[in-house]
């Protein structure tokens, strides 16, 4: 069984036991459990339930396992023959979630 969930403006395929790295969820601590109710689709073998836009009564129970920063992304701007060089870096904050259960009512 799997579910398509929406968190942080992106969509993820979630299966029980899987870990997902999503954009940072700031109000949570490591070990906190909560449910994600933005479930767009539920798939179970050859049976699929598509939400319009959400599947009613469906939720995904998750646990926060880590809060971390991703790899550095380098942004380098360069224009030839003008002595123009700009170098910037960015590291995105992430939250690692472990999928505990998929609930369908």
N, C-alpha and C. Protein backbone atom coordinates (compact mmCIF):
# COMPACT_ATOMS: atom_id res chain seq x y z
N UNK A 1 0.83 -1.17 0.00
CA UNK A 1 0.00 0.00 0.00
C UNK A 1 0.88 1.24 0.00
N UNK A 2 0.49 2.24 -0.78
CA UNK A 2 1.25 3.49 -0.82
C UNK A 2 0.27 4.66 -0.89
N UNK A 3 0.80 5.85 -0.61
CA UNK A 3 -0.01 7.06 -0.66
C UNK A 3 0.82 8.17 -1.28
N UNK A 4 0.16 9.06 -2.00
CA UNK A 4 0.80 10.27 -2.50
C UNK A 4 0.38 11.38 -1.55
N UNK A 5 1.37 11.98 -0.87
CA UNK A 5 1.08 13.03 0.11
C UNK A 5 1.68 14.35 -0.37
N UNK A 6 1.16 15.45 0.20
CA UNK A 6 1.67 16.77 -0.14
C UNK A 6 2.14 17.44 1.15
N UNK A 7 3.41 17.87 1.15
CA UNK A 7 3.95 18.62 2.27
C UNK A 7 5.06 19.53 1.75
N UNK A 8 5.09 20.74 2.25
CA UNK A 8 6.12 21.68 1.82
C UNK A 8 5.99 22.09 0.37
N UNK A 9 4.78 22.02 -0.19
CA UNK A 9 4.59 22.42 -1.58
C UNK A 9 4.99 21.37 -2.60
N UNK A 10 5.43 20.21 -2.16
CA UNK A 10 5.82 19.13 -3.07
C UNK A 10 5.01 17.89 -2.76
N UNK A 11 5.01 16.96 -3.71
CA UNK A 11 4.29 15.70 -3.54
C UNK A 11 5.29 14.56 -3.42
N UNK A 12 4.99 13.61 -2.53
CA UNK A 12 5.88 12.48 -2.27
C UNK A 12 5.07 11.18 -2.27
N UNK A 13 5.71 10.11 -2.72
CA UNK A 13 5.12 8.77 -2.62
C UNK A 13 5.59 8.17 -1.31
N UNK A 14 4.64 7.80 -0.46
CA UNK A 14 4.96 7.31 0.88
C UNK A 14 4.51 5.87 1.03
N UNK A 15 5.41 5.02 1.53
CA UNK A 15 5.12 3.64 1.86
C UNK A 15 5.52 3.40 3.31
N UNK A 16 4.88 2.47 3.97
CA UNK A 16 5.17 2.19 5.38
C UNK A 16 6.62 1.73 5.52
N UNK A 17 7.34 2.33 6.49
CA UNK A 17 8.73 1.99 6.73
C UNK A 17 9.73 2.84 5.97
N UNK A 18 9.28 3.64 5.04
CA UNK A 18 10.15 4.47 4.21
C UNK A 18 10.49 5.77 4.95
N UNK A 19 11.64 6.38 4.62
CA UNK A 19 11.98 7.69 5.15
C UNK A 19 11.95 8.70 4.01
N UNK A 20 11.45 9.90 4.31
CA UNK A 20 11.36 10.98 3.34
C UNK A 20 12.08 12.21 3.86
N UNK A 21 12.78 12.91 2.99
CA UNK A 21 13.39 14.19 3.33
C UNK A 21 12.52 15.29 2.71
N UNK A 22 11.86 16.06 3.57
CA UNK A 22 10.96 17.13 3.11
C UNK A 22 11.52 18.46 3.58
N UNK A 23 10.95 19.56 3.06
CA UNK A 23 11.37 20.87 3.53
C UNK A 23 11.10 20.98 5.03
N UNK A 24 11.86 21.81 5.69
CA UNK A 24 11.82 21.88 7.14
C UNK A 24 10.43 22.19 7.68
N UNK A 25 10.03 21.41 8.68
CA UNK A 25 8.81 21.64 9.43
C UNK A 25 9.24 22.20 10.78
N UNK A 26 9.17 23.51 10.98
CA UNK A 26 9.90 24.16 12.08
C UNK A 26 9.38 23.89 13.48
N UNK A 27 8.11 23.60 13.67
CA UNK A 27 7.56 23.48 15.02
C UNK A 27 7.73 22.08 15.61
N UNK A 28 8.51 21.23 14.99
CA UNK A 28 8.62 19.84 15.43
C UNK A 28 10.01 19.54 15.98
N UNK A 29 10.05 18.63 16.95
CA UNK A 29 11.30 18.15 17.53
C UNK A 29 11.52 16.71 17.11
N UNK A 30 12.75 16.22 17.25
CA UNK A 30 13.06 14.83 16.92
C UNK A 30 12.27 13.92 17.86
N UNK A 31 11.58 12.94 17.28
CA UNK A 31 10.77 12.01 18.04
C UNK A 31 9.29 12.35 18.06
N UNK A 32 8.92 13.53 17.59
CA UNK A 32 7.50 13.91 17.54
C UNK A 32 6.77 13.11 16.47
N UNK A 33 5.53 12.73 16.77
CA UNK A 33 4.67 12.04 15.80
C UNK A 33 3.50 12.94 15.45
N UNK A 34 3.08 12.89 14.21
CA UNK A 34 1.91 13.64 13.77
C UNK A 34 1.35 12.97 12.53
N UNK A 35 0.19 13.44 12.08
CA UNK A 35 -0.43 12.87 10.88
C UNK A 35 -0.48 13.92 9.79
N UNK A 36 -0.25 13.47 8.57
CA UNK A 36 -0.38 14.32 7.39
C UNK A 36 -1.71 13.95 6.75
N UNK A 37 -2.59 14.94 6.64
CA UNK A 37 -3.93 14.68 6.10
C UNK A 37 -4.09 15.14 4.66
N UNK A 38 -3.02 15.69 4.06
CA UNK A 38 -3.04 16.05 2.64
C UNK A 38 -2.68 14.82 1.82
N UNK A 39 -3.60 13.88 1.71
CA UNK A 39 -3.39 12.64 0.96
C UNK A 39 -4.13 12.79 -0.37
N UNK A 40 -3.38 12.72 -1.47
CA UNK A 40 -3.94 12.94 -2.79
C UNK A 40 -4.37 11.65 -3.48
N UNK A 41 -3.74 10.53 -3.11
CA UNK A 41 -4.03 9.25 -3.77
C UNK A 41 -3.65 8.12 -2.83
N UNK A 42 -4.42 7.04 -2.87
CA UNK A 42 -4.11 5.81 -2.13
C UNK A 42 -4.08 4.68 -3.14
N UNK A 43 -3.00 3.90 -3.14
CA UNK A 43 -2.89 2.76 -4.02
C UNK A 43 -2.64 1.50 -3.23
N UNK A 44 -3.40 0.44 -3.56
CA UNK A 44 -3.25 -0.83 -2.86
C UNK A 44 -3.43 -1.95 -3.89
N UNK A 45 -2.32 -2.42 -4.42
CA UNK A 45 -2.39 -3.45 -5.45
C UNK A 45 -3.02 -2.89 -6.72
N UNK A 46 -4.13 -3.50 -7.16
CA UNK A 46 -4.80 -3.02 -8.37
C UNK A 46 -5.96 -2.08 -8.04
N UNK A 47 -6.13 -1.73 -6.76
CA UNK A 47 -7.18 -0.82 -6.34
C UNK A 47 -6.57 0.55 -6.04
N UNK A 48 -7.11 1.61 -6.66
CA UNK A 48 -6.60 2.96 -6.48
C UNK A 48 -7.74 3.91 -6.17
N UNK A 49 -7.53 4.76 -5.16
CA UNK A 49 -8.51 5.79 -4.80
C UNK A 49 -7.86 7.13 -5.05
N UNK A 50 -8.46 7.92 -5.94
CA UNK A 50 -7.93 9.23 -6.29
C UNK A 50 -8.79 10.29 -5.62
N UNK A 51 -8.15 11.23 -4.92
CA UNK A 51 -8.86 12.29 -4.23
C UNK A 51 -9.25 13.41 -5.17
N UNK A 52 -10.26 14.19 -4.73
CA UNK A 52 -10.73 15.29 -5.56
C UNK A 52 -10.90 16.54 -4.73
N UNK A 53 -9.92 17.26 -4.27
CA UNK A 53 -8.48 17.03 -4.48
C UNK A 53 -7.85 16.10 -3.44
N UNK A 54 -8.51 15.88 -2.29
CA UNK A 54 -7.95 15.02 -1.25
C UNK A 54 -8.83 13.80 -1.04
N UNK A 55 -8.22 12.71 -0.58
CA UNK A 55 -8.96 11.50 -0.24
C UNK A 55 -9.54 11.70 1.16
N UNK A 56 -10.86 11.64 1.27
CA UNK A 56 -11.52 11.87 2.55
C UNK A 56 -11.27 10.71 3.51
N UNK A 57 -10.94 11.03 4.75
CA UNK A 57 -10.73 10.02 5.77
C UNK A 57 -9.37 9.35 5.71
N UNK A 58 -8.49 9.80 4.84
CA UNK A 58 -7.17 9.19 4.72
C UNK A 58 -6.14 10.07 5.42
N UNK A 59 -5.17 9.44 6.03
CA UNK A 59 -4.09 10.15 6.71
C UNK A 59 -2.85 9.27 6.73
N UNK A 60 -1.70 9.89 6.87
CA UNK A 60 -0.44 9.18 6.96
C UNK A 60 0.21 9.57 8.28
N UNK A 61 0.50 8.58 9.13
CA UNK A 61 1.13 8.84 10.42
C UNK A 61 2.64 8.79 10.24
N UNK A 62 3.34 9.86 10.67
CA UNK A 62 4.79 9.96 10.50
C UNK A 62 5.45 10.34 11.82
N UNK A 63 6.75 10.05 11.91
CA UNK A 63 7.57 10.41 13.06
C UNK A 63 8.80 11.16 12.56
N UNK A 64 9.15 12.26 13.23
CA UNK A 64 10.34 13.03 12.87
C UNK A 64 11.57 12.30 13.40
N UNK A 65 12.52 11.99 12.50
CA UNK A 65 13.73 11.29 12.93
C UNK A 65 14.95 12.20 12.90
N UNK A 66 14.90 13.31 12.15
CA UNK A 66 16.09 14.17 12.06
C UNK A 66 15.72 15.54 11.51
N UNK A 67 16.43 16.56 11.94
CA UNK A 67 16.37 17.91 11.36
C UNK A 67 17.79 18.21 10.90
N UNK A 68 17.99 18.55 9.63
CA UNK A 68 19.35 18.73 9.13
C UNK A 68 19.36 19.71 7.97
N UNK A 69 20.56 20.05 7.51
CA UNK A 69 20.73 20.92 6.36
C UNK A 69 21.28 20.09 5.21
N UNK A 70 20.83 20.40 4.01
CA UNK A 70 21.26 19.67 2.82
C UNK A 70 22.64 20.10 2.36
N UNK A 71 23.07 19.53 1.24
CA UNK A 71 24.35 19.87 0.65
C UNK A 71 24.35 21.31 0.16
N UNK A 72 25.54 21.90 0.11
CA UNK A 72 25.66 23.28 -0.33
C UNK A 72 25.51 23.36 -1.85
N UNK A 73 24.72 24.31 -2.30
CA UNK A 73 24.54 24.59 -3.72
C UNK A 73 25.29 25.89 -4.00
N UNK A 74 26.22 25.85 -4.95
CA UNK A 74 27.02 27.02 -5.30
C UNK A 74 26.38 27.73 -6.48
N UNK A 75 26.20 29.04 -6.34
CA UNK A 75 25.70 29.88 -7.43
C UNK A 75 26.84 30.80 -7.83
N UNK A 76 27.36 30.65 -9.03
CA UNK A 76 28.50 31.43 -9.50
C UNK A 76 28.10 32.21 -10.74
N UNK A 77 28.19 33.53 -10.66
CA UNK A 77 27.88 34.39 -11.80
C UNK A 77 29.19 34.95 -12.33
N UNK A 78 29.32 34.98 -13.66
CA UNK A 78 30.57 35.40 -14.29
C UNK A 78 30.27 36.08 -15.62
N UNK A 79 30.90 37.19 -15.85
CA UNK A 79 30.84 37.83 -17.16
C UNK A 79 32.26 38.08 -17.63
N UNK A 80 32.54 37.66 -18.82
CA UNK A 80 33.91 37.73 -19.30
C UNK A 80 34.34 39.17 -19.59
N UNK A 81 35.62 39.43 -19.39
CA UNK A 81 36.30 40.70 -19.69
C UNK A 81 35.74 41.89 -18.93
N UNK A 82 35.00 41.69 -17.85
CA UNK A 82 34.47 42.84 -17.12
C UNK A 82 34.81 42.79 -15.63
N UNK A 83 35.61 41.87 -15.21
CA UNK A 83 35.95 41.68 -13.79
C UNK A 83 34.71 41.50 -12.93
N UNK A 84 33.72 40.80 -13.44
CA UNK A 84 32.47 40.57 -12.71
C UNK A 84 32.40 39.11 -12.31
N UNK A 85 32.51 38.87 -11.01
CA UNK A 85 32.39 37.51 -10.48
C UNK A 85 31.64 37.60 -9.16
N UNK A 86 30.63 36.76 -9.01
CA UNK A 86 29.87 36.69 -7.77
C UNK A 86 29.70 35.22 -7.41
N UNK A 87 29.99 34.88 -6.17
CA UNK A 87 29.87 33.50 -5.73
C UNK A 87 29.04 33.49 -4.44
N UNK A 88 27.98 32.71 -4.47
CA UNK A 88 27.11 32.58 -3.30
C UNK A 88 26.83 31.11 -3.07
N UNK A 89 26.52 30.78 -1.85
CA UNK A 89 26.18 29.41 -1.50
C UNK A 89 24.86 29.37 -0.75
N UNK A 90 24.21 28.21 -0.77
CA UNK A 90 22.94 28.05 -0.08
C UNK A 90 22.83 26.61 0.42
N UNK A 91 22.35 26.47 1.66
CA UNK A 91 22.07 25.15 2.22
C UNK A 91 20.65 25.15 2.73
N UNK A 92 19.82 24.26 2.17
CA UNK A 92 18.41 24.18 2.53
C UNK A 92 18.23 23.37 3.80
N UNK A 93 17.29 23.79 4.65
CA UNK A 93 16.93 23.03 5.85
C UNK A 93 15.94 21.93 5.47
N UNK A 94 16.12 20.73 6.04
CA UNK A 94 15.27 19.59 5.75
C UNK A 94 14.82 18.93 7.06
N UNK A 95 13.70 18.20 6.97
CA UNK A 95 13.21 17.36 8.05
C UNK A 95 13.09 15.95 7.50
N UNK A 96 13.63 14.98 8.22
CA UNK A 96 13.54 13.58 7.79
C UNK A 96 12.38 12.93 8.54
N UNK A 97 11.44 12.35 7.76
CA UNK A 97 10.25 11.73 8.31
C UNK A 97 10.27 10.23 8.06
N UNK A 98 9.82 9.46 9.04
CA UNK A 98 9.65 8.01 8.87
C UNK A 98 8.17 7.72 8.82
N UNK A 99 7.74 7.02 7.77
CA UNK A 99 6.33 6.70 7.58
C UNK A 99 5.99 5.52 8.48
N UNK A 100 5.07 5.74 9.43
CA UNK A 100 4.69 4.70 10.38
C UNK A 100 3.46 3.91 9.91
N UNK A 101 2.45 4.61 9.38
CA UNK A 101 1.21 3.93 9.04
C UNK A 101 0.45 4.77 8.02
N UNK A 102 -0.33 4.08 7.17
CA UNK A 102 -1.25 4.73 6.25
C UNK A 102 -2.66 4.35 6.68
N UNK A 103 -3.45 5.36 7.02
CA UNK A 103 -4.79 5.14 7.56
C UNK A 103 -5.83 5.48 6.51
N UNK A 104 -6.75 4.53 6.23
CA UNK A 104 -7.83 4.75 5.30
C UNK A 104 -9.13 4.37 6.00
N UNK A 105 -10.09 5.30 6.00
CA UNK A 105 -11.38 5.03 6.66
C UNK A 105 -12.46 4.74 5.67
